Amino acid sequence: MTTTTTIVMAKAPQPGYAKTRLIPALGADGAAALAACLLEHALEQTLAAALGPVDLCCAPDATHPALARHAGWPGLALSEQGDGDLGARMARAFARWLPHGPVLMTGTDAPALDAAVLRNAAAALRTVDAVFVPALDGGYALIGLRQPAPALFAGVAWSTAQVMAQTRERLAAAGLRHVELAPLPDIDEPADLVHLPPGWR
């Protein structure tokens, strides 16, 4: 059975660096604490999906204690996102793993993106070129590819409501067949906190 690599793109959950748009509601320490909780949840669900290798792709690097502590988790490797905008960093991470088979990529912002969603995405990727879980804010919470597609990452207005729409245009222009699973909320702005699971605040 073909394994699927999952890349989890994550920022070190440190005050003033992670989840900064939530600082007005939670404070810098509270936003960082939530980022740490989201990171743990994302890694637990990704490992529970048991699809294949898991790459925790770190920013600014893999030395932050909250990231480095995961180095010993079975089935989990750490890498670094490196320089460039989000698109450049995503494209680089895909290029590292795609020679070995299909790849899913997520962030840590969508707590509803659980092991079952990951398994469904991997299954969908067997029959199409790309799979997405759109986010309710116009971006996406997951992207999966079976082949390099650098056009999907260049010139995109990241962190805006146009991301998924621009990506659909690029998919069509490249002749790539894709599927979209049910959209999920991500946690970026104070208004998004209503989507946190019970007990998380």
N, C-alpha and C. Protein backbone atom coordinates (compact mmCIF):
# COMPACT_ATOMS: atom_id res chain seq x y z
N MET A 1 0.85 -1.20 0.00
CA MET A 1 0.00 0.00 0.00
C MET A 1 0.89 1.25 0.00
N THR A 2 0.56 2.21 -0.85
CA THR A 2 1.34 3.44 -0.93
C THR A 2 1.16 4.27 0.33
N THR A 3 2.27 4.71 0.90
CA THR A 3 2.18 5.59 2.05
C THR A 3 2.07 7.03 1.59
N THR A 4 1.49 7.85 2.44
CA THR A 4 1.34 9.27 2.17
C THR A 4 2.07 10.05 3.25
N THR A 5 2.98 10.91 2.86
CA THR A 5 3.66 11.78 3.82
C THR A 5 2.74 12.94 4.18
N THR A 6 2.74 13.32 5.45
CA THR A 6 2.01 14.51 5.88
C THR A 6 2.99 15.52 6.46
N ILE A 7 2.96 16.73 5.91
CA ILE A 7 3.78 17.83 6.41
C ILE A 7 2.89 18.74 7.25
N VAL A 8 3.32 19.02 8.47
CA VAL A 8 2.61 19.96 9.34
C VAL A 8 3.47 21.22 9.44
N MET A 9 2.98 22.30 8.84
CA MET A 9 3.69 23.58 8.89
C MET A 9 3.35 24.28 10.21
N ALA A 10 4.39 24.61 10.99
CA ALA A 10 4.12 25.16 12.32
C ALA A 10 5.11 26.25 12.68
N LYS A 11 4.59 27.28 13.34
CA LYS A 11 5.42 28.31 13.94
C LYS A 11 5.69 27.94 15.40
N ALA A 12 6.86 28.32 15.89
CA ALA A 12 7.14 28.14 17.31
C ALA A 12 6.11 28.92 18.12
N PRO A 13 5.45 28.28 19.09
CA PRO A 13 4.39 28.98 19.84
C PRO A 13 4.97 29.88 20.93
N GLN A 14 5.58 30.97 20.48
CA GLN A 14 6.16 31.91 21.43
C GLN A 14 5.40 33.23 21.37
N PRO A 15 5.27 33.91 22.51
CA PRO A 15 4.50 35.16 22.58
C PRO A 15 5.03 36.19 21.58
N GLY A 16 4.10 36.80 20.86
CA GLY A 16 4.46 37.83 19.89
C GLY A 16 4.89 37.30 18.55
N TYR A 17 4.94 35.96 18.40
CA TYR A 17 5.35 35.36 17.13
C TYR A 17 4.25 34.50 16.53
N ALA A 18 3.59 33.71 17.35
CA ALA A 18 2.53 32.82 16.86
C ALA A 18 1.15 33.39 17.18
N LYS A 19 0.22 33.21 16.24
CA LYS A 19 -1.19 33.64 16.42
C LYS A 19 -1.29 35.10 16.85
N THR A 20 -0.54 35.97 16.20
CA THR A 20 -0.50 37.37 16.61
C THR A 20 -1.84 38.08 16.42
N ARG A 21 -2.65 37.62 15.46
CA ARG A 21 -3.95 38.28 15.25
C ARG A 21 -4.93 37.99 16.38
N LEU A 22 -4.58 37.03 17.25
CA LEU A 22 -5.43 36.74 18.40
C LEU A 22 -5.00 37.50 19.65
N ILE A 23 -3.90 38.25 19.57
CA ILE A 23 -3.41 38.96 20.75
C ILE A 23 -4.43 39.95 21.32
N PRO A 24 -5.19 40.69 20.48
CA PRO A 24 -6.18 41.60 21.07
C PRO A 24 -7.21 40.90 21.96
N ALA A 25 -7.51 39.64 21.67
CA ALA A 25 -8.49 38.91 22.47
C ALA A 25 -7.87 38.11 23.60
N LEU A 26 -6.66 37.58 23.38
CA LEU A 26 -6.09 36.63 24.34
C LEU A 26 -4.84 37.14 25.03
N GLY A 27 -4.25 38.24 24.52
CA GLY A 27 -2.94 38.66 25.00
C GLY A 27 -1.86 37.83 24.34
N ALA A 28 -0.63 38.31 24.38
CA ALA A 28 0.46 37.60 23.71
C ALA A 28 0.68 36.22 24.30
N ASP A 29 0.65 36.12 25.63
CA ASP A 29 0.88 34.82 26.27
C ASP A 29 -0.27 33.86 25.99
N GLY A 30 -1.50 34.37 26.03
CA GLY A 30 -2.66 33.53 25.76
C GLY A 30 -2.69 33.03 24.33
N ALA A 31 -2.31 33.90 23.39
CA ALA A 31 -2.27 33.48 21.99
C ALA A 31 -1.21 32.41 21.77
N ALA A 32 -0.05 32.56 22.43
CA ALA A 32 1.01 31.56 22.31
C ALA A 32 0.58 30.24 22.95
N ALA A 33 -0.11 30.32 24.07
CA ALA A 33 -0.59 29.08 24.73
C ALA A 33 -1.58 28.34 23.83
N LEU A 34 -2.46 29.10 23.17
CA LEU A 34 -3.40 28.46 22.25
C LEU A 34 -2.65 27.86 21.06
N ALA A 35 -1.63 28.55 20.55
CA ALA A 35 -0.83 28.02 19.45
C ALA A 35 -0.19 26.69 19.84
N ALA A 36 0.30 26.60 21.07
CA ALA A 36 0.91 25.36 21.55
C ALA A 36 -0.12 24.24 21.61
N CYS A 37 -1.32 24.57 22.05
CA CYS A 37 -2.41 23.58 22.13
C CYS A 37 -2.81 23.11 20.73
N LEU A 38 -2.92 24.03 19.80
CA LEU A 38 -3.26 23.69 18.41
C LEU A 38 -2.18 22.80 17.78
N LEU A 39 -0.92 23.10 18.08
CA LEU A 39 0.19 22.32 17.55
C LEU A 39 0.12 20.87 18.07
N GLU A 40 -0.07 20.72 19.38
CA GLU A 40 -0.14 19.37 19.95
C GLU A 40 -1.28 18.58 19.32
N HIS A 41 -2.42 19.23 19.19
CA HIS A 41 -3.61 18.56 18.63
C HIS A 41 -3.35 18.14 17.18
N ALA A 42 -2.76 19.04 16.40
CA ALA A 42 -2.50 18.73 14.99
C ALA A 42 -1.55 17.54 14.86
N LEU A 43 -0.51 17.50 15.68
CA LEU A 43 0.44 16.39 15.60
C LEU A 43 -0.21 15.07 16.06
N GLU A 44 -1.00 15.14 17.12
CA GLU A 44 -1.66 13.92 17.60
C GLU A 44 -2.58 13.35 16.52
N GLN A 45 -3.36 14.21 15.87
CA GLN A 45 -4.29 13.73 14.85
C GLN A 45 -3.54 13.22 13.62
N THR A 46 -2.46 13.89 13.26
CA THR A 46 -1.69 13.46 12.09
C THR A 46 -1.06 12.09 12.32
N LEU A 47 -0.50 11.89 13.50
CA LEU A 47 0.09 10.59 13.81
C LEU A 47 -0.98 9.52 13.93
N ALA A 48 -2.14 9.89 14.47
CA ALA A 48 -3.24 8.92 14.60
C ALA A 48 -3.76 8.47 13.24
N ALA A 49 -3.66 9.33 12.23
CA ALA A 49 -4.13 8.96 10.89
C ALA A 49 -3.29 7.82 10.31
N ALA A 50 -2.03 7.70 10.74
CA ALA A 50 -1.17 6.59 10.38
C ALA A 50 -1.06 6.39 8.86
N LEU A 51 -0.83 7.49 8.15
CA LEU A 51 -0.75 7.43 6.69
C LEU A 51 0.66 7.17 6.19
N GLY A 52 1.67 7.51 7.00
CA GLY A 52 3.06 7.39 6.59
C GLY A 52 3.90 8.38 7.37
N PRO A 53 5.05 8.78 6.84
CA PRO A 53 5.92 9.72 7.56
C PRO A 53 5.23 11.05 7.85
N VAL A 54 5.60 11.65 8.98
CA VAL A 54 5.09 12.97 9.35
C VAL A 54 6.28 13.90 9.52
N ASP A 55 6.23 15.04 8.84
CA ASP A 55 7.29 16.05 8.87
C ASP A 55 6.75 17.30 9.56
N LEU A 56 7.27 17.61 10.74
CA LEU A 56 6.95 18.87 11.41
C LEU A 56 7.91 19.91 10.85
N CYS A 57 7.38 20.78 10.00
CA CYS A 57 8.19 21.76 9.27
C CYS A 57 8.13 23.09 10.03
N CYS A 58 9.25 23.46 10.64
CA CYS A 58 9.28 24.46 11.71
C CYS A 58 9.70 25.85 11.23
N ALA A 59 9.14 26.86 11.87
CA ALA A 59 9.57 28.24 11.71
C ALA A 59 9.66 28.88 13.10
N PRO A 60 10.66 29.73 13.37
CA PRO A 60 11.73 30.11 12.44
C PRO A 60 12.76 29.01 12.23
N ASP A 61 12.85 28.05 13.19
CA ASP A 61 13.77 26.91 13.05
C ASP A 61 13.29 25.82 13.99
N ALA A 62 14.02 24.73 14.03
CA ALA A 62 13.59 23.58 14.83
C ALA A 62 14.20 23.56 16.22
N THR A 63 14.84 24.66 16.64
CA THR A 63 15.53 24.64 17.93
C THR A 63 14.65 25.14 19.08
N HIS A 64 13.52 25.77 18.79
CA HIS A 64 12.65 26.24 19.86
C HIS A 64 12.21 25.03 20.70
N PRO A 65 12.31 25.12 22.02
CA PRO A 65 12.00 23.95 22.86
C PRO A 65 10.62 23.35 22.60
N ALA A 66 9.62 24.19 22.31
CA ALA A 66 8.27 23.66 22.08
C ALA A 66 8.18 22.86 20.80
N LEU A 67 9.11 23.07 19.87
CA LEU A 67 9.16 22.27 18.64
C LEU A 67 10.16 21.13 18.78
N ALA A 68 11.33 21.44 19.33
CA ALA A 68 12.39 20.42 19.44
C ALA A 68 11.97 19.24 20.30
N ARG A 69 11.07 19.47 21.25
CA ARG A 69 10.65 18.39 22.14
C ARG A 69 9.93 17.26 21.40
N HIS A 70 9.46 17.55 20.20
CA HIS A 70 8.76 16.53 19.42
C HIS A 70 9.71 15.64 18.63
N ALA A 71 10.99 15.95 18.67
CA ALA A 71 11.95 15.21 17.85
C ALA A 71 11.97 13.72 18.19
N GLY A 72 11.62 13.38 19.41
CA GLY A 72 11.67 11.98 19.80
C GLY A 72 10.38 11.21 19.57
N TRP A 73 9.34 11.88 19.03
CA TRP A 73 8.07 11.19 18.82
C TRP A 73 8.23 10.16 17.70
N PRO A 74 7.78 8.92 17.92
CA PRO A 74 7.87 7.90 16.86
C PRO A 74 7.11 8.33 15.60
N GLY A 75 7.75 8.16 14.45
CA GLY A 75 7.11 8.48 13.17
C GLY A 75 7.16 9.93 12.78
N LEU A 76 7.83 10.76 13.60
CA LEU A 76 7.84 12.21 13.36
C LEU A 76 9.27 12.69 13.12
N ALA A 77 9.46 13.44 12.03
CA ALA A 77 10.75 14.08 11.75
C ALA A 77 10.56 15.59 11.80
N LEU A 78 11.61 16.31 12.12
CA LEU A 78 11.58 17.77 12.13
C LEU A 78 12.40 18.31 10.97
N SER A 79 11.89 19.36 10.34
CA SER A 79 12.63 20.07 9.31
C SER A 79 12.39 21.56 9.52
N GLU A 80 13.03 22.39 8.70
CA GLU A 80 12.88 23.84 8.83
C GLU A 80 12.29 24.43 7.56
N GLN A 81 11.40 25.42 7.74
CA GLN A 81 10.72 26.02 6.59
C GLN A 81 11.68 26.84 5.73
N GLY A 82 12.66 27.47 6.34
CA GLY A 82 13.60 28.28 5.58
C GLY A 82 13.04 29.65 5.22
N ASP A 83 13.69 30.30 4.27
CA ASP A 83 13.36 31.67 3.90
C ASP A 83 12.25 31.73 2.85
N GLY A 84 11.77 32.96 2.61
CA GLY A 84 10.78 33.19 1.55
C GLY A 84 9.37 33.35 2.10
N ASP A 85 8.45 33.71 1.21
CA ASP A 85 7.07 33.84 1.65
C ASP A 85 6.47 32.46 1.86
N LEU A 86 5.22 32.42 2.32
CA LEU A 86 4.60 31.14 2.64
C LEU A 86 4.59 30.22 1.43
N GLY A 87 4.31 30.74 0.25
CA GLY A 87 4.27 29.91 -0.95
C GLY A 87 5.61 29.27 -1.24
N ALA A 88 6.69 30.03 -1.10
CA ALA A 88 8.03 29.49 -1.35
C ALA A 88 8.36 28.40 -0.35
N ARG A 89 7.97 28.60 0.90
CA ARG A 89 8.26 27.60 1.93
C ARG A 89 7.44 26.32 1.72
N MET A 90 6.19 26.49 1.31
CA MET A 90 5.35 25.32 1.04
C MET A 90 5.89 24.54 -0.16
N ALA A 91 6.22 25.25 -1.24
CA ALA A 91 6.74 24.59 -2.44
C ALA A 91 8.01 23.82 -2.13
N ARG A 92 8.87 24.39 -1.30
CA ARG A 92 10.12 23.73 -0.96
C ARG A 92 9.86 22.45 -0.15
N ALA A 93 8.92 22.51 0.78
CA ALA A 93 8.61 21.33 1.58
C ALA A 93 8.01 20.22 0.71
N PHE A 94 7.12 20.59 -0.21
CA PHE A 94 6.57 19.59 -1.13
C PHE A 94 7.67 18.97 -1.98
N ALA A 95 8.57 19.79 -2.48
CA ALA A 95 9.63 19.28 -3.36
C ALA A 95 10.51 18.27 -2.64
N ARG A 96 10.64 18.43 -1.34
CA ARG A 96 11.47 17.51 -0.56
C ARG A 96 10.85 16.12 -0.46
N TRP A 97 9.52 16.04 -0.42
CA TRP A 97 8.85 14.77 -0.16
C TRP A 97 8.18 14.14 -1.37
N LEU A 98 7.78 14.92 -2.37
CA LEU A 98 7.03 14.36 -3.50
C LEU A 98 7.77 13.27 -4.27
N PRO A 99 9.10 13.29 -4.33
CA PRO A 99 9.76 12.17 -5.02
C PRO A 99 9.49 10.81 -4.37
N HIS A 100 9.00 10.83 -3.13
CA HIS A 100 8.77 9.57 -2.41
C HIS A 100 7.31 9.14 -2.43
N GLY A 101 6.42 9.93 -3.04
CA GLY A 101 5.01 9.55 -3.10
C GLY A 101 4.11 10.73 -2.77
N PRO A 102 2.79 10.49 -2.67
CA PRO A 102 1.85 11.58 -2.43
C PRO A 102 2.09 12.26 -1.08
N VAL A 103 1.74 13.55 -1.04
CA VAL A 103 2.01 14.36 0.14
C VAL A 103 0.79 15.20 0.50
N LEU A 104 0.43 15.20 1.78
CA LEU A 104 -0.55 16.13 2.33
C LEU A 104 0.20 17.19 3.13
N MET A 105 -0.35 18.41 3.15
CA MET A 105 0.23 19.47 3.97
C MET A 105 -0.89 20.19 4.72
N THR A 106 -0.68 20.39 6.01
CA THR A 106 -1.63 21.14 6.82
C THR A 106 -0.86 22.18 7.64
N GLY A 107 -1.62 23.08 8.23
CA GLY A 107 -1.08 23.93 9.27
C GLY A 107 -1.53 23.38 10.61
N THR A 108 -1.65 24.28 11.59
CA THR A 108 -2.13 23.85 12.90
C THR A 108 -3.37 24.63 13.32
N ASP A 109 -3.96 25.39 12.38
CA ASP A 109 -5.01 26.35 12.73
C ASP A 109 -6.43 25.80 12.72
N ALA A 110 -6.62 24.57 12.26
CA ALA A 110 -7.98 24.03 12.10
C ALA A 110 -8.17 22.81 12.98
N PRO A 111 -8.64 22.98 14.22
CA PRO A 111 -8.76 21.85 15.13
C PRO A 111 -9.74 20.78 14.66
N ALA A 112 -10.66 21.13 13.76
CA ALA A 112 -11.60 20.13 13.25
C ALA A 112 -10.97 19.23 12.18
N LEU A 113 -9.75 19.55 11.77
CA LEU A 113 -9.06 18.74 10.78
C LEU A 113 -8.42 17.56 11.54
N ASP A 114 -9.17 16.49 11.66
CA ASP A 114 -8.74 15.37 12.49
C ASP A 114 -8.23 14.21 11.64
N ALA A 115 -7.96 13.09 12.30
CA ALA A 115 -7.40 11.93 11.61
C ALA A 115 -8.32 11.43 10.50
N ALA A 116 -9.62 11.49 10.73
CA ALA A 116 -10.56 11.01 9.71
C ALA A 116 -10.51 11.87 8.46
N VAL A 117 -10.41 13.19 8.63
CA VAL A 117 -10.30 14.09 7.47
C VAL A 117 -9.01 13.81 6.71
N LEU A 118 -7.93 13.59 7.44
CA LEU A 118 -6.65 13.29 6.79
C LEU A 118 -6.73 12.00 5.99
N ARG A 119 -7.37 10.98 6.54
CA ARG A 119 -7.51 9.72 5.82
C ARG A 119 -8.37 9.91 4.56
N ASN A 120 -9.43 10.69 4.69
CA ASN A 120 -10.29 10.95 3.52
C ASN A 120 -9.52 11.71 2.44
N ALA A 121 -8.68 12.65 2.85
CA ALA A 121 -7.88 13.41 1.88
C ALA A 121 -6.89 12.49 1.17
N ALA A 122 -6.25 11.61 1.93
CA ALA A 122 -5.29 10.69 1.32
C ALA A 122 -5.98 9.75 0.34
N ALA A 123 -7.18 9.31 0.69
CA ALA A 123 -7.93 8.42 -0.21
C ALA A 123 -8.32 9.16 -1.48
N ALA A 124 -8.76 10.41 -1.35
CA ALA A 124 -9.15 11.19 -2.53
C ALA A 124 -7.97 11.42 -3.45
N LEU A 125 -6.78 11.56 -2.87
CA LEU A 125 -5.58 11.87 -3.66
C LEU A 125 -5.15 10.70 -4.54
N ARG A 126 -5.71 9.53 -4.31
CA ARG A 126 -5.35 8.38 -5.16
C ARG A 126 -5.90 8.52 -6.58
N THR A 127 -6.94 9.34 -6.76
CA THR A 127 -7.60 9.40 -8.06
C THR A 127 -7.54 10.77 -8.73
N VAL A 128 -6.97 11.76 -8.05
CA VAL A 128 -6.86 13.11 -8.63
C VAL A 128 -5.45 13.63 -8.42
N ASP A 129 -5.15 14.79 -9.01
CA ASP A 129 -3.82 15.38 -8.87
C ASP A 129 -3.64 16.14 -7.57
N ALA A 130 -4.75 16.68 -7.03
CA ALA A 130 -4.66 17.52 -5.84
C ALA A 130 -5.94 17.40 -5.03
N VAL A 131 -5.81 17.58 -3.73
CA VAL A 131 -6.97 17.57 -2.83
C VAL A 131 -6.84 18.76 -1.89
N PHE A 132 -7.98 19.33 -1.52
CA PHE A 132 -7.99 20.49 -0.63
C PHE A 132 -9.09 20.34 0.42
N VAL A 133 -8.83 20.89 1.59
CA VAL A 133 -9.88 21.18 2.57
C VAL A 133 -9.95 22.71 2.65
N PRO A 134 -10.92 23.32 1.99
CA PRO A 134 -11.03 24.78 2.06
C PRO A 134 -11.30 25.24 3.49
N ALA A 135 -10.88 26.46 3.79
CA ALA A 135 -11.21 27.09 5.07
C ALA A 135 -12.37 28.05 4.86
N LEU A 136 -13.14 28.25 5.91
CA LEU A 136 -14.32 29.11 5.80
C LEU A 136 -13.95 30.56 5.49
N ASP A 137 -12.70 30.95 5.76
CA ASP A 137 -12.29 32.34 5.53
C ASP A 137 -11.77 32.60 4.12
N GLY A 138 -11.84 31.56 3.24
CA GLY A 138 -11.40 31.76 1.87
C GLY A 138 -10.03 31.18 1.56
N GLY A 139 -9.35 30.69 2.57
CA GLY A 139 -8.08 30.02 2.36
C GLY A 139 -8.28 28.51 2.28
N TYR A 140 -7.25 27.76 2.66
CA TYR A 140 -7.45 26.32 2.78
C TYR A 140 -6.65 25.80 3.98
N ALA A 141 -7.19 24.73 4.57
CA ALA A 141 -6.59 24.13 5.77
C ALA A 141 -5.73 22.93 5.42
N LEU A 142 -5.89 22.40 4.22
CA LEU A 142 -5.10 21.25 3.77
C LEU A 142 -4.95 21.31 2.27
N ILE A 143 -3.76 20.93 1.80
CA ILE A 143 -3.52 20.73 0.37
C ILE A 143 -2.76 19.42 0.24
N GLY A 144 -3.15 18.63 -0.74
CA GLY A 144 -2.43 17.40 -1.04
C GLY A 144 -2.08 17.34 -2.51
N LEU A 145 -0.90 16.83 -2.83
CA LEU A 145 -0.43 16.75 -4.21
C LEU A 145 0.19 15.38 -4.48
N ARG A 146 0.10 14.96 -5.74
CA ARG A 146 0.78 13.74 -6.18
C ARG A 146 1.99 14.06 -7.06
N GLN A 147 2.10 15.32 -7.48
CA GLN A 147 3.21 15.72 -8.35
C GLN A 147 3.53 17.18 -8.06
N PRO A 148 4.73 17.63 -8.36
CA PRO A 148 5.06 19.04 -8.14
C PRO A 148 4.12 19.95 -8.93
N ALA A 149 3.72 21.05 -8.28
CA ALA A 149 2.83 22.02 -8.94
C ALA A 149 3.22 23.42 -8.45
N PRO A 150 4.41 23.89 -8.83
CA PRO A 150 4.91 25.17 -8.30
C PRO A 150 4.00 26.35 -8.62
N ALA A 151 3.21 26.26 -9.70
CA ALA A 151 2.33 27.38 -10.05
C ALA A 151 1.27 27.64 -8.97
N LEU A 152 1.00 26.66 -8.13
CA LEU A 152 -0.01 26.84 -7.09
C LEU A 152 0.47 27.73 -5.95
N PHE A 153 1.78 27.99 -5.90
CA PHE A 153 2.35 28.68 -4.75
C PHE A 153 2.94 30.04 -5.08
N ALA A 154 3.03 30.38 -6.36
CA ALA A 154 3.67 31.65 -6.76
C ALA A 154 2.62 32.74 -6.94
N GLY A 155 2.86 33.89 -6.35
CA GLY A 155 2.01 35.05 -6.56
C GLY A 155 0.64 34.98 -5.92
N VAL A 156 0.46 34.10 -4.93
CA VAL A 156 -0.82 33.99 -4.24
C VAL A 156 -0.87 35.03 -3.12
N ALA A 157 -2.04 35.64 -2.92
CA ALA A 157 -2.21 36.64 -1.85
C ALA A 157 -2.48 35.91 -0.54
N TRP A 158 -1.41 35.38 0.06
CA TRP A 158 -1.54 34.56 1.27
C TRP A 158 -2.18 35.35 2.41
N SER A 159 -2.89 34.62 3.27
CA SER A 159 -3.56 35.20 4.45
C SER A 159 -4.65 36.18 4.05
N THR A 160 -5.26 35.95 2.90
CA THR A 160 -6.42 36.76 2.48
C THR A 160 -7.56 35.81 2.10
N ALA A 161 -8.72 36.39 1.86
CA ALA A 161 -9.90 35.60 1.47
C ALA A 161 -9.83 35.12 0.03
N GLN A 162 -8.76 35.48 -0.70
CA GLN A 162 -8.64 35.13 -2.12
C GLN A 162 -7.84 33.86 -2.37
N VAL A 163 -7.27 33.28 -1.33
CA VAL A 163 -6.30 32.19 -1.53
C VAL A 163 -6.91 31.01 -2.28
N MET A 164 -8.06 30.52 -1.84
CA MET A 164 -8.63 29.33 -2.48
C MET A 164 -9.10 29.66 -3.89
N ALA A 165 -9.68 30.85 -4.07
CA ALA A 165 -10.14 31.24 -5.41
C ALA A 165 -8.96 31.34 -6.37
N GLN A 166 -7.87 31.95 -5.94
CA GLN A 166 -6.69 32.06 -6.80
C GLN A 166 -6.10 30.68 -7.08
N THR A 167 -6.15 29.80 -6.09
CA THR A 167 -5.63 28.45 -6.28
C THR A 167 -6.47 27.68 -7.29
N ARG A 168 -7.78 27.83 -7.24
CA ARG A 168 -8.64 27.16 -8.24
C ARG A 168 -8.29 27.63 -9.65
N GLU A 169 -8.03 28.93 -9.82
CA GLU A 169 -7.64 29.45 -11.14
C GLU A 169 -6.34 28.81 -11.61
N ARG A 170 -5.39 28.67 -10.71
CA ARG A 170 -4.11 28.08 -11.07
C ARG A 170 -4.23 26.58 -11.38
N LEU A 171 -5.09 25.90 -10.64
CA LEU A 171 -5.34 24.48 -10.91
C LEU A 171 -5.89 24.30 -12.32
N ALA A 172 -6.87 25.14 -12.67
CA ALA A 172 -7.49 25.05 -14.00
C ALA A 172 -6.47 25.36 -15.09
N ALA A 173 -5.67 26.40 -14.87
CA ALA A 173 -4.68 26.79 -15.88
C ALA A 173 -3.63 25.69 -16.08
N ALA A 174 -3.32 24.95 -15.01
CA ALA A 174 -2.30 23.90 -15.11
C ALA A 174 -2.90 22.57 -15.56
N GLY A 175 -4.23 22.52 -15.72
CA GLY A 175 -4.87 21.28 -16.14
C GLY A 175 -4.84 20.19 -15.08
N LEU A 176 -4.84 20.59 -13.82
CA LEU A 176 -4.78 19.63 -12.72
C LEU A 176 -6.19 19.31 -12.22
N ARG A 177 -6.47 18.04 -12.06
CA ARG A 177 -7.76 17.61 -11.51
C ARG A 177 -7.67 17.64 -9.99
N HIS A 178 -8.68 18.25 -9.34
CA HIS A 178 -8.63 18.31 -7.89
C HIS A 178 -10.00 18.02 -7.29
N VAL A 179 -9.99 17.68 -6.01
CA VAL A 179 -11.22 17.51 -5.24
C VAL A 179 -11.14 18.41 -4.02
N GLU A 180 -12.29 18.88 -3.59
CA GLU A 180 -12.37 19.66 -2.36
C GLU A 180 -13.27 18.93 -1.37
N LEU A 181 -12.76 18.69 -0.18
CA LEU A 181 -13.56 18.11 0.89
C LEU A 181 -14.34 19.23 1.58
N ALA A 182 -15.15 18.87 2.57
CA ALA A 182 -15.98 19.86 3.25
C ALA A 182 -15.11 20.94 3.89
N PRO A 183 -15.50 22.21 3.76
CA PRO A 183 -14.72 23.30 4.36
C PRO A 183 -14.77 23.25 5.88
N LEU A 184 -13.70 23.76 6.49
CA LEU A 184 -13.59 23.78 7.95
C LEU A 184 -13.19 25.18 8.42
N PRO A 185 -13.55 25.52 9.64
CA PRO A 185 -13.08 26.81 10.20
C PRO A 185 -11.63 26.71 10.65
N ASP A 186 -10.88 27.79 10.49
CA ASP A 186 -9.58 27.87 11.14
C ASP A 186 -9.60 29.00 12.17
N ILE A 187 -8.61 29.01 13.01
CA ILE A 187 -8.58 29.93 14.15
C ILE A 187 -7.49 30.97 13.91
N ASP A 188 -7.88 32.10 13.34
CA ASP A 188 -6.92 33.16 13.02
C ASP A 188 -7.25 34.48 13.71
N GLU A 189 -8.54 34.82 13.71
CA GLU A 189 -9.01 36.10 14.23
C GLU A 189 -9.82 35.88 15.51
N PRO A 190 -9.98 36.93 16.34
CA PRO A 190 -10.78 36.76 17.55
C PRO A 190 -12.18 36.19 17.29
N ALA A 191 -12.82 36.56 16.18
CA ALA A 191 -14.15 36.04 15.88
C ALA A 191 -14.15 34.53 15.66
N ASP A 192 -12.98 33.96 15.31
CA ASP A 192 -12.89 32.53 15.05
C ASP A 192 -12.88 31.69 16.33
N LEU A 193 -12.69 32.33 17.47
CA LEU A 193 -12.57 31.57 18.70
C LEU A 193 -13.83 30.80 19.06
N VAL A 194 -14.96 31.17 18.46
CA VAL A 194 -16.21 30.42 18.68
C VAL A 194 -16.11 29.00 18.13
N HIS A 195 -15.14 28.77 17.23
CA HIS A 195 -15.00 27.46 16.62
C HIS A 195 -14.06 26.54 17.40
N LEU A 196 -13.51 27.03 18.51
CA LEU A 196 -12.65 26.16 19.31
C LEU A 196 -13.48 25.04 19.95
N PRO A 197 -12.91 23.85 20.07
CA PRO A 197 -13.62 22.78 20.78
C PRO A 197 -13.94 23.18 22.21
N PRO A 198 -15.01 22.64 22.79
CA PRO A 198 -15.36 22.95 24.17
C PRO A 198 -14.20 22.66 25.12
N GLY A 199 -13.97 23.60 26.04
CA GLY A 199 -12.92 23.39 27.02
C GLY A 199 -11.55 23.90 26.63
N TRP A 200 -11.40 24.38 25.41
CA TRP A 200 -10.09 24.84 24.96
C TRP A 200 -9.75 26.23 25.46
N ARG A 201 -10.73 27.01 25.86
CA ARG A 201 -10.43 28.39 26.32
C ARG A 201 -10.46 28.45 27.83
